Amino acid sequence: MSLSIGDPVPTFTLPDARGGEAGLDGGAPAVVVFTCNHCPYALAWHDRIVDVARDVEIPVLLINPNDAERYPRDSFEAMQERVRRDEGWPMPYLRDETQEVARSYGARTTPDVFVVDSPGALRYRGAPDADHQDPSQGAAWLREALDSVLAGEEVARPETDPVGCSVKWK
């Protein structure tokens, strides 16, 4: 399954590496990012996504769906350690152990970014910006989409190709 722009997005609740649970229950704008601990693309874009989370007053939810048996660096324990090491971690880092959420969104890569509007419809899907190797890009595509969604406007560039490592399916 893969979501199309304008489709309602699935809601979910998942375990958070900081303790407890978090998720998306609809009714408010949000950013959902499928990511992980080991992919060089995800790691290269991480600080830019963190900056977005610090700059906006809406949820930015990171979800790690990767098979932790084949990729131990993506285990829940490794996620918890990563969050503990980064004192300024500003967002939930969720574990999709069953991979059901990733499948319901049609996640393909780490990272794969989804911007959701207030009614719970998909408004942007793709990469954070044009180049994972250029920090000056500043997650420009993600920011453009968020600015439009928060202003109640159509997103000018609603879809880009997600770039990164493939989701590690079980």
C-alpha atoms as a PDB file:
ATOM      1  CA  MET A   1       0.000   0.000   0.000  1.00  0.00           C
ATOM      2  CA  SER A   2       1.109   3.535  -0.621  1.00  0.00           C
ATOM      3  CA  LEU A   3      -0.605   6.770   0.277  1.00  0.00           C
ATOM      4  CA  SER A   4      -1.370   9.414  -2.324  1.00  0.00           C
ATOM      5  CA  ILE A   5      -1.464  13.145  -1.709  1.00  0.00           C
ATOM      6  CA  GLY A   6      -4.857  14.001  -0.193  1.00  0.00           C
ATOM      7  CA  ASP A   7      -5.431  10.525   1.292  1.00  0.00           C
ATOM      8  CA  PRO A   8      -6.277  10.280   4.971  1.00  0.00           C
ATOM      9  CA  VAL A   9      -3.258   8.982   6.868  1.00  0.00           C
ATOM     10  CA  PRO A  10      -3.451   6.092   9.314  1.00  0.00           C
ATOM     11  CA  THR A  11      -3.396   6.953  13.008  1.00  0.00           C
ATOM     12  CA  PHE A  12      -1.145   4.989  15.359  1.00  0.00           C
ATOM     13  CA  THR A  13       0.381   4.702  18.809  1.00  0.00           C
ATOM     14  CA  LEU A  14       3.863   3.213  19.242  1.00  0.00           C
ATOM     15  CA  PRO A  15       6.442   2.806  22.028  1.00  0.00           C
ATOM     16  CA  ASP A  16       8.688   5.860  22.446  1.00  0.00           C
ATOM     17  CA  ALA A  17      12.421   5.416  23.080  1.00  0.00           C
ATOM     18  CA  ARG A  18      12.117   8.078  25.814  1.00  0.00           C
ATOM     19  CA  GLY A  19       9.510   5.987  27.632  1.00  0.00           C
ATOM     20  CA  GLY A  20       5.769   5.639  27.295  1.00  0.00           C
ATOM     21  CA  GLU A  21       4.009   5.840  23.962  1.00  0.00           C
ATOM     22  CA  ALA A  22       3.316   8.512  21.367  1.00  0.00           C
ATOM     23  CA  GLY A  23       1.649   8.650  18.016  1.00  0.00           C
ATOM     24  CA  LEU A  24      -0.668  10.342  15.619  1.00  0.00           C
ATOM     25  CA  ASP A  25      -4.336  10.607  16.489  1.00  0.00           C
ATOM     26  CA  GLY A  26      -5.438  13.028  13.766  1.00  0.00           C
ATOM     27  CA  GLY A  27      -7.020  16.428  14.045  1.00  0.00           C
ATOM     28  CA  ALA A  28      -3.799  18.448  13.993  1.00  0.00           C
ATOM     29  CA  PRO A  29      -0.925  18.991  11.567  1.00  0.00           C
ATOM     30  CA  ALA A  30       2.059  16.707  12.082  1.00  0.00           C
ATOM     31  CA  VAL A  31       5.228  15.411  10.475  1.00  0.00           C
ATOM     32  CA  VAL A  32       5.915  11.667  10.345  1.00  0.00           C
ATOM     33  CA  VAL A  33       9.438  10.589   9.401  1.00  0.00           C
ATOM     34  CA  PHE A  34      10.454   6.971   8.906  1.00  0.00           C
ATOM     35  CA  THR A  35      14.112   6.813   9.871  1.00  0.00           C
ATOM     36  CA  CYS A  36      16.664   4.649  11.664  1.00  0.00           C
ATOM     37  CA  ASN A  37      19.980   4.539  13.515  1.00  0.00           C
ATOM     38  CA  HIS A  38      22.285   3.165  10.832  1.00  0.00           C
ATOM     39  CA  CYS A  39      21.403   4.613   7.403  1.00  0.00           C
ATOM     40  CA  PRO A  40      23.923   7.270   6.285  1.00  0.00           C
ATOM     41  CA  TYR A  41      21.143   9.242   4.554  1.00  0.00           C
ATOM     42  CA  ALA A  42      18.980   9.269   7.680  1.00  0.00           C
ATOM     43  CA  LEU A  43      21.958  10.283   9.796  1.00  0.00           C
ATOM     44  CA  ALA A  44      22.951  13.035   7.339  1.00  0.00           C
ATOM     45  CA  TRP A  45      19.446  14.554   7.441  1.00  0.00           C
ATOM     46  CA  HIS A  46      18.914  14.019  11.181  1.00  0.00           C
ATOM     47  CA  ASP A  47      20.119  17.440  12.407  1.00  0.00           C
ATOM     48  CA  ARG A  48      18.002  19.235   9.793  1.00  0.00           C
ATOM     49  CA  ILE A  49      14.898  17.328  10.904  1.00  0.00           C
ATOM     50  CA  VAL A  50      15.741  18.082  14.548  1.00  0.00           C
ATOM     51  CA  ASP A  51      15.952  21.772  13.666  1.00  0.00           C
ATOM     52  CA  VAL A  52      12.488  21.599  12.086  1.00  0.00           C
ATOM     53  CA  ALA A  53      11.140  19.906  15.240  1.00  0.00           C
ATOM     54  CA  ARG A  54      12.594  22.717  17.349  1.00  0.00           C
ATOM     55  CA  ASP A  55      11.212  25.424  15.047  1.00  0.00           C
ATOM     56  CA  VAL A  56       7.585  24.265  14.760  1.00  0.00           C
ATOM     57  CA  GLU A  57       4.898  23.818  17.365  1.00  0.00           C
ATOM     58  CA  ILE A  58       3.446  20.666  15.853  1.00  0.00           C
ATOM     59  CA  PRO A  59       4.427  17.061  16.449  1.00  0.00           C
ATOM     60  CA  VAL A  60       7.403  15.710  14.542  1.00  0.00           C
ATOM     61  CA  LEU A  61       7.360  11.940  14.991  1.00  0.00           C
ATOM     62  CA  LEU A  62      10.340   9.773  14.059  1.00  0.00           C
ATOM     63  CA  ILE A  63       9.560   6.101  13.460  1.00  0.00           C
ATOM     64  CA  ASN A  64      12.112   3.304  13.148  1.00  0.00           C
ATOM     65  CA  PRO A  65      10.508   0.343  11.337  1.00  0.00           C
ATOM     66  CA  ASN A  66      13.650  -1.625  10.475  1.00  0.00           C
ATOM     67  CA  ASP A  67      14.122  -5.328  11.217  1.00  0.00           C
ATOM     68  CA  ALA A  68      16.271  -5.232  14.365  1.00  0.00           C
ATOM     69  CA  GLU A  69      17.208  -8.907  14.117  1.00  0.00           C
ATOM     70  CA  ARG A  70      19.093  -8.309  10.882  1.00  0.00           C
ATOM     71  CA  TYR A  71      20.078  -4.744  11.845  1.00  0.00           C
ATOM     72  CA  PRO A  72      20.809  -4.695  15.609  1.00  0.00           C
ATOM     73  CA  ARG A  73      21.734  -0.986  15.475  1.00  0.00           C
ATOM     74  CA  ASP A  74      18.002  -0.397  14.905  1.00  0.00           C
ATOM     75  CA  SER A  75      16.813  -2.272  18.001  1.00  0.00           C
ATOM     76  CA  PHE A  76      14.612  -0.513  20.550  1.00  0.00           C
ATOM     77  CA  GLU A  77      17.509  -0.661  23.021  1.00  0.00           C
ATOM     78  CA  ALA A  78      19.837   1.031  20.510  1.00  0.00           C
ATOM     79  CA  MET A  79      17.172   3.687  19.891  1.00  0.00           C
ATOM     80  CA  GLN A  80      16.908   4.316  23.648  1.00  0.00           C
ATOM     81  CA  GLU A  81      20.687   4.652  23.905  1.00  0.00           C
ATOM     82  CA  ARG A  82      20.779   7.124  21.013  1.00  0.00           C
ATOM     83  CA  VAL A  83      18.126   9.303  22.656  1.00  0.00           C
ATOM     84  CA  ARG A  84      19.947   9.114  26.030  1.00  0.00           C
ATOM     85  CA  ARG A  85      23.205  10.289  24.392  1.00  0.00           C
ATOM     86  CA  ASP A  86      21.511  13.309  22.757  1.00  0.00           C
ATOM     87  CA  GLU A  87      20.335  15.534  25.612  1.00  0.00           C
ATOM     88  CA  GLY A  88      18.549  17.878  23.219  1.00  0.00           C
ATOM     89  CA  TRP A  89      16.399  15.250  21.454  1.00  0.00           C
ATOM     90  CA  PRO A  90      13.174  17.251  20.850  1.00  0.00           C
ATOM     91  CA  MET A  91      10.755  14.668  19.443  1.00  0.00           C
ATOM     92  CA  PRO A  92       9.388  11.168  19.975  1.00  0.00           C
ATOM     93  CA  TYR A  93      11.453   8.343  18.477  1.00  0.00           C
ATOM     94  CA  LEU A  94       9.019   5.497  17.985  1.00  0.00           C
ATOM     95  CA  ARG A  95       9.553   1.790  17.379  1.00  0.00           C
ATOM     96  CA  ASP A  96       7.386   0.103  14.726  1.00  0.00           C
ATOM     97  CA  GLU A  97       8.314  -3.463  15.682  1.00  0.00           C
ATOM     98  CA  THR A  98       5.544  -5.074  13.606  1.00  0.00           C
ATOM     99  CA  GLN A  99       6.208  -2.735  10.660  1.00  0.00           C
ATOM    100  CA  GLU A 100       2.430  -2.232  10.347  1.00  0.00           C
ATOM    101  CA  VAL A 101       2.660   1.568  10.458  1.00  0.00           C
ATOM    102  CA  ALA A 102       5.432   1.670   7.847  1.00  0.00           C
ATOM    103  CA  ARG A 103       3.409  -0.629   5.590  1.00  0.00           C
ATOM    104  CA  SER A 104       0.232   1.430   6.065  1.00  0.00           C
ATOM    105  CA  TYR A 105       2.089   4.575   4.950  1.00  0.00           C
ATOM    106  CA  GLY A 106       3.941   2.833   2.144  1.00  0.00           C
ATOM    107  CA  ALA A 107       7.303   3.899   3.594  1.00  0.00           C
ATOM    108  CA  ARG A 108      10.126   3.065   1.226  1.00  0.00           C
ATOM    109  CA  THR A 109      13.291   4.626   2.584  1.00  0.00           C
ATOM    110  CA  THR A 110      14.981   6.026   5.641  1.00  0.00           C
ATOM    111  CA  PRO A 111      14.215   8.838   5.711  1.00  0.00           C
ATOM    112  CA  ASP A 112      10.754   9.042   4.175  1.00  0.00           C
ATOM    113  CA  VAL A 113       8.897  12.207   5.220  1.00  0.00           C
ATOM    114  CA  PHE A 114       5.112  12.659   5.434  1.00  0.00           C
ATOM    115  CA  VAL A 115       3.417  15.999   6.250  1.00  0.00           C
ATOM    116  CA  VAL A 116      -0.170  15.768   7.453  1.00  0.00           C
ATOM    117  CA  ASP A 117      -2.721  18.599   7.657  1.00  0.00           C
ATOM    118  CA  SER A 118      -5.352  19.275  10.360  1.00  0.00           C
ATOM    119  CA  PRO A 119      -8.043  17.013   8.914  1.00  0.00           C
ATOM    120  CA  GLY A 120      -5.452  14.215   8.774  1.00  0.00           C
ATOM    121  CA  ALA A 121      -4.756  14.191   5.033  1.00  0.00           C
ATOM    122  CA  LEU A 122      -1.352  13.685   3.439  1.00  0.00           C
ATOM    123  CA  ARG A 123      -0.044  16.957   1.949  1.00  0.00           C
ATOM    124  CA  TYR A 124       3.652  16.173   1.344  1.00  0.00           C
ATOM    125  CA  ARG A 125       5.667  13.019   0.916  1.00  0.00           C
ATOM    126  CA  GLY A 126       9.332  12.646   0.047  1.00  0.00           C
ATOM    127  CA  ALA A 127      12.811  13.807   1.013  1.00  0.00           C
ATOM    128  CA  PRO A 128      13.550  16.576   3.535  1.00  0.00           C
ATOM    129  CA  ASP A 129      15.391  18.559   0.837  1.00  0.00           C
ATOM    130  CA  ALA A 130      17.328  18.153  -2.410  1.00  0.00           C
ATOM    131  CA  ASP A 131      20.692  16.937  -1.060  1.00  0.00           C
ATOM    132  CA  HIS A 132      21.535  14.900   2.034  1.00  0.00           C
ATOM    133  CA  GLN A 133      25.179  15.966   1.715  1.00  0.00           C
ATOM    134  CA  ASP A 134      24.415  19.711   1.835  1.00  0.00           C
ATOM    135  CA  PRO A 135      23.401  20.854   5.330  1.00  0.00           C
ATOM    136  CA  SER A 136      22.749  24.375   3.992  1.00  0.00           C
ATOM    137  CA  GLN A 137      19.593  22.962   2.339  1.00  0.00           C
ATOM    138  CA  GLY A 138      18.032  23.050   5.820  1.00  0.00           C
ATOM    139  CA  ALA A 139      15.191  20.591   5.064  1.00  0.00           C
ATOM    140  CA  ALA A 140      13.841  23.162   2.600  1.00  0.00           C
ATOM    141  CA  TRP A 141      11.220  20.916   0.983  1.00  0.00           C
ATOM    142  CA  LEU A 142       9.881  19.832   4.358  1.00  0.00           C
ATOM    143  CA  ARG A 143       9.793  23.452   5.579  1.00  0.00           C
ATOM    144  CA  GLU A 144       8.028  24.650   2.394  1.00  0.00           C
ATOM    145  CA  ALA A 145       5.376  21.981   2.811  1.00  0.00           C
ATOM    146  CA  LEU A 146       4.900  22.788   6.494  1.00  0.00           C
ATOM    147  CA  ASP A 147       4.637  26.521   5.820  1.00  0.00           C
ATOM    148  CA  SER A 148       1.898  25.867   3.257  1.00  0.00           C
ATOM    149  CA  VAL A 149      -0.006  23.420   5.466  1.00  0.00           C
ATOM    150  CA  LEU A 150       0.145  25.751   8.474  1.00  0.00           C
ATOM    151  CA  ALA A 151      -1.071  28.658   6.298  1.00  0.00           C
ATOM    152  CA  GLY A 152      -3.955  26.542   4.987  1.00  0.00           C
ATOM    153  CA  GLU A 153      -2.574  26.656   1.445  1.00  0.00           C
ATOM    154  CA  GLU A 154      -1.910  23.967  -1.153  1.00  0.00           C
ATOM    155  CA  VAL A 155       1.630  22.611  -1.116  1.00  0.00           C
ATOM    156  CA  ALA A 156       3.432  23.738  -4.283  1.00  0.00           C
ATOM    157  CA  ARG A 157       5.695  20.666  -4.351  1.00  0.00           C
ATOM    158  CA  PRO A 158       3.537  17.949  -2.750  1.00  0.00           C
ATOM    159  CA  GLU A 159       5.750  15.014  -3.645  1.00  0.00           C
ATOM    160  CA  THR A 160       9.448  14.367  -4.138  1.00  0.00           C
ATOM    161  CA  ASP A 161      11.308  11.094  -4.376  1.00  0.00           C
ATOM    162  CA  PRO A 162      12.299   9.828  -0.936  1.00  0.00           C
ATOM    163  CA  VAL A 163      16.037   9.167  -0.962  1.00  0.00           C
ATOM    164  CA  GLY A 164      17.855   6.879   1.454  1.00  0.00           C
ATOM    165  CA  CYS A 165      18.374   3.287   2.457  1.00  0.00           C
ATOM    166  CA  SER A 166      15.468   0.949   1.849  1.00  0.00           C
ATOM    167  CA  VAL A 167      13.270   0.063   4.795  1.00  0.00           C
ATOM    168  CA  LYS A 168      14.632  -3.221   6.166  1.00  0.00           C
ATOM    169  CA  TRP A 169      11.557  -5.435   6.006  1.00  0.00           C
ATOM    170  CA  LYS A 170      11.287  -8.653   7.974  1.00  0.00           C
END
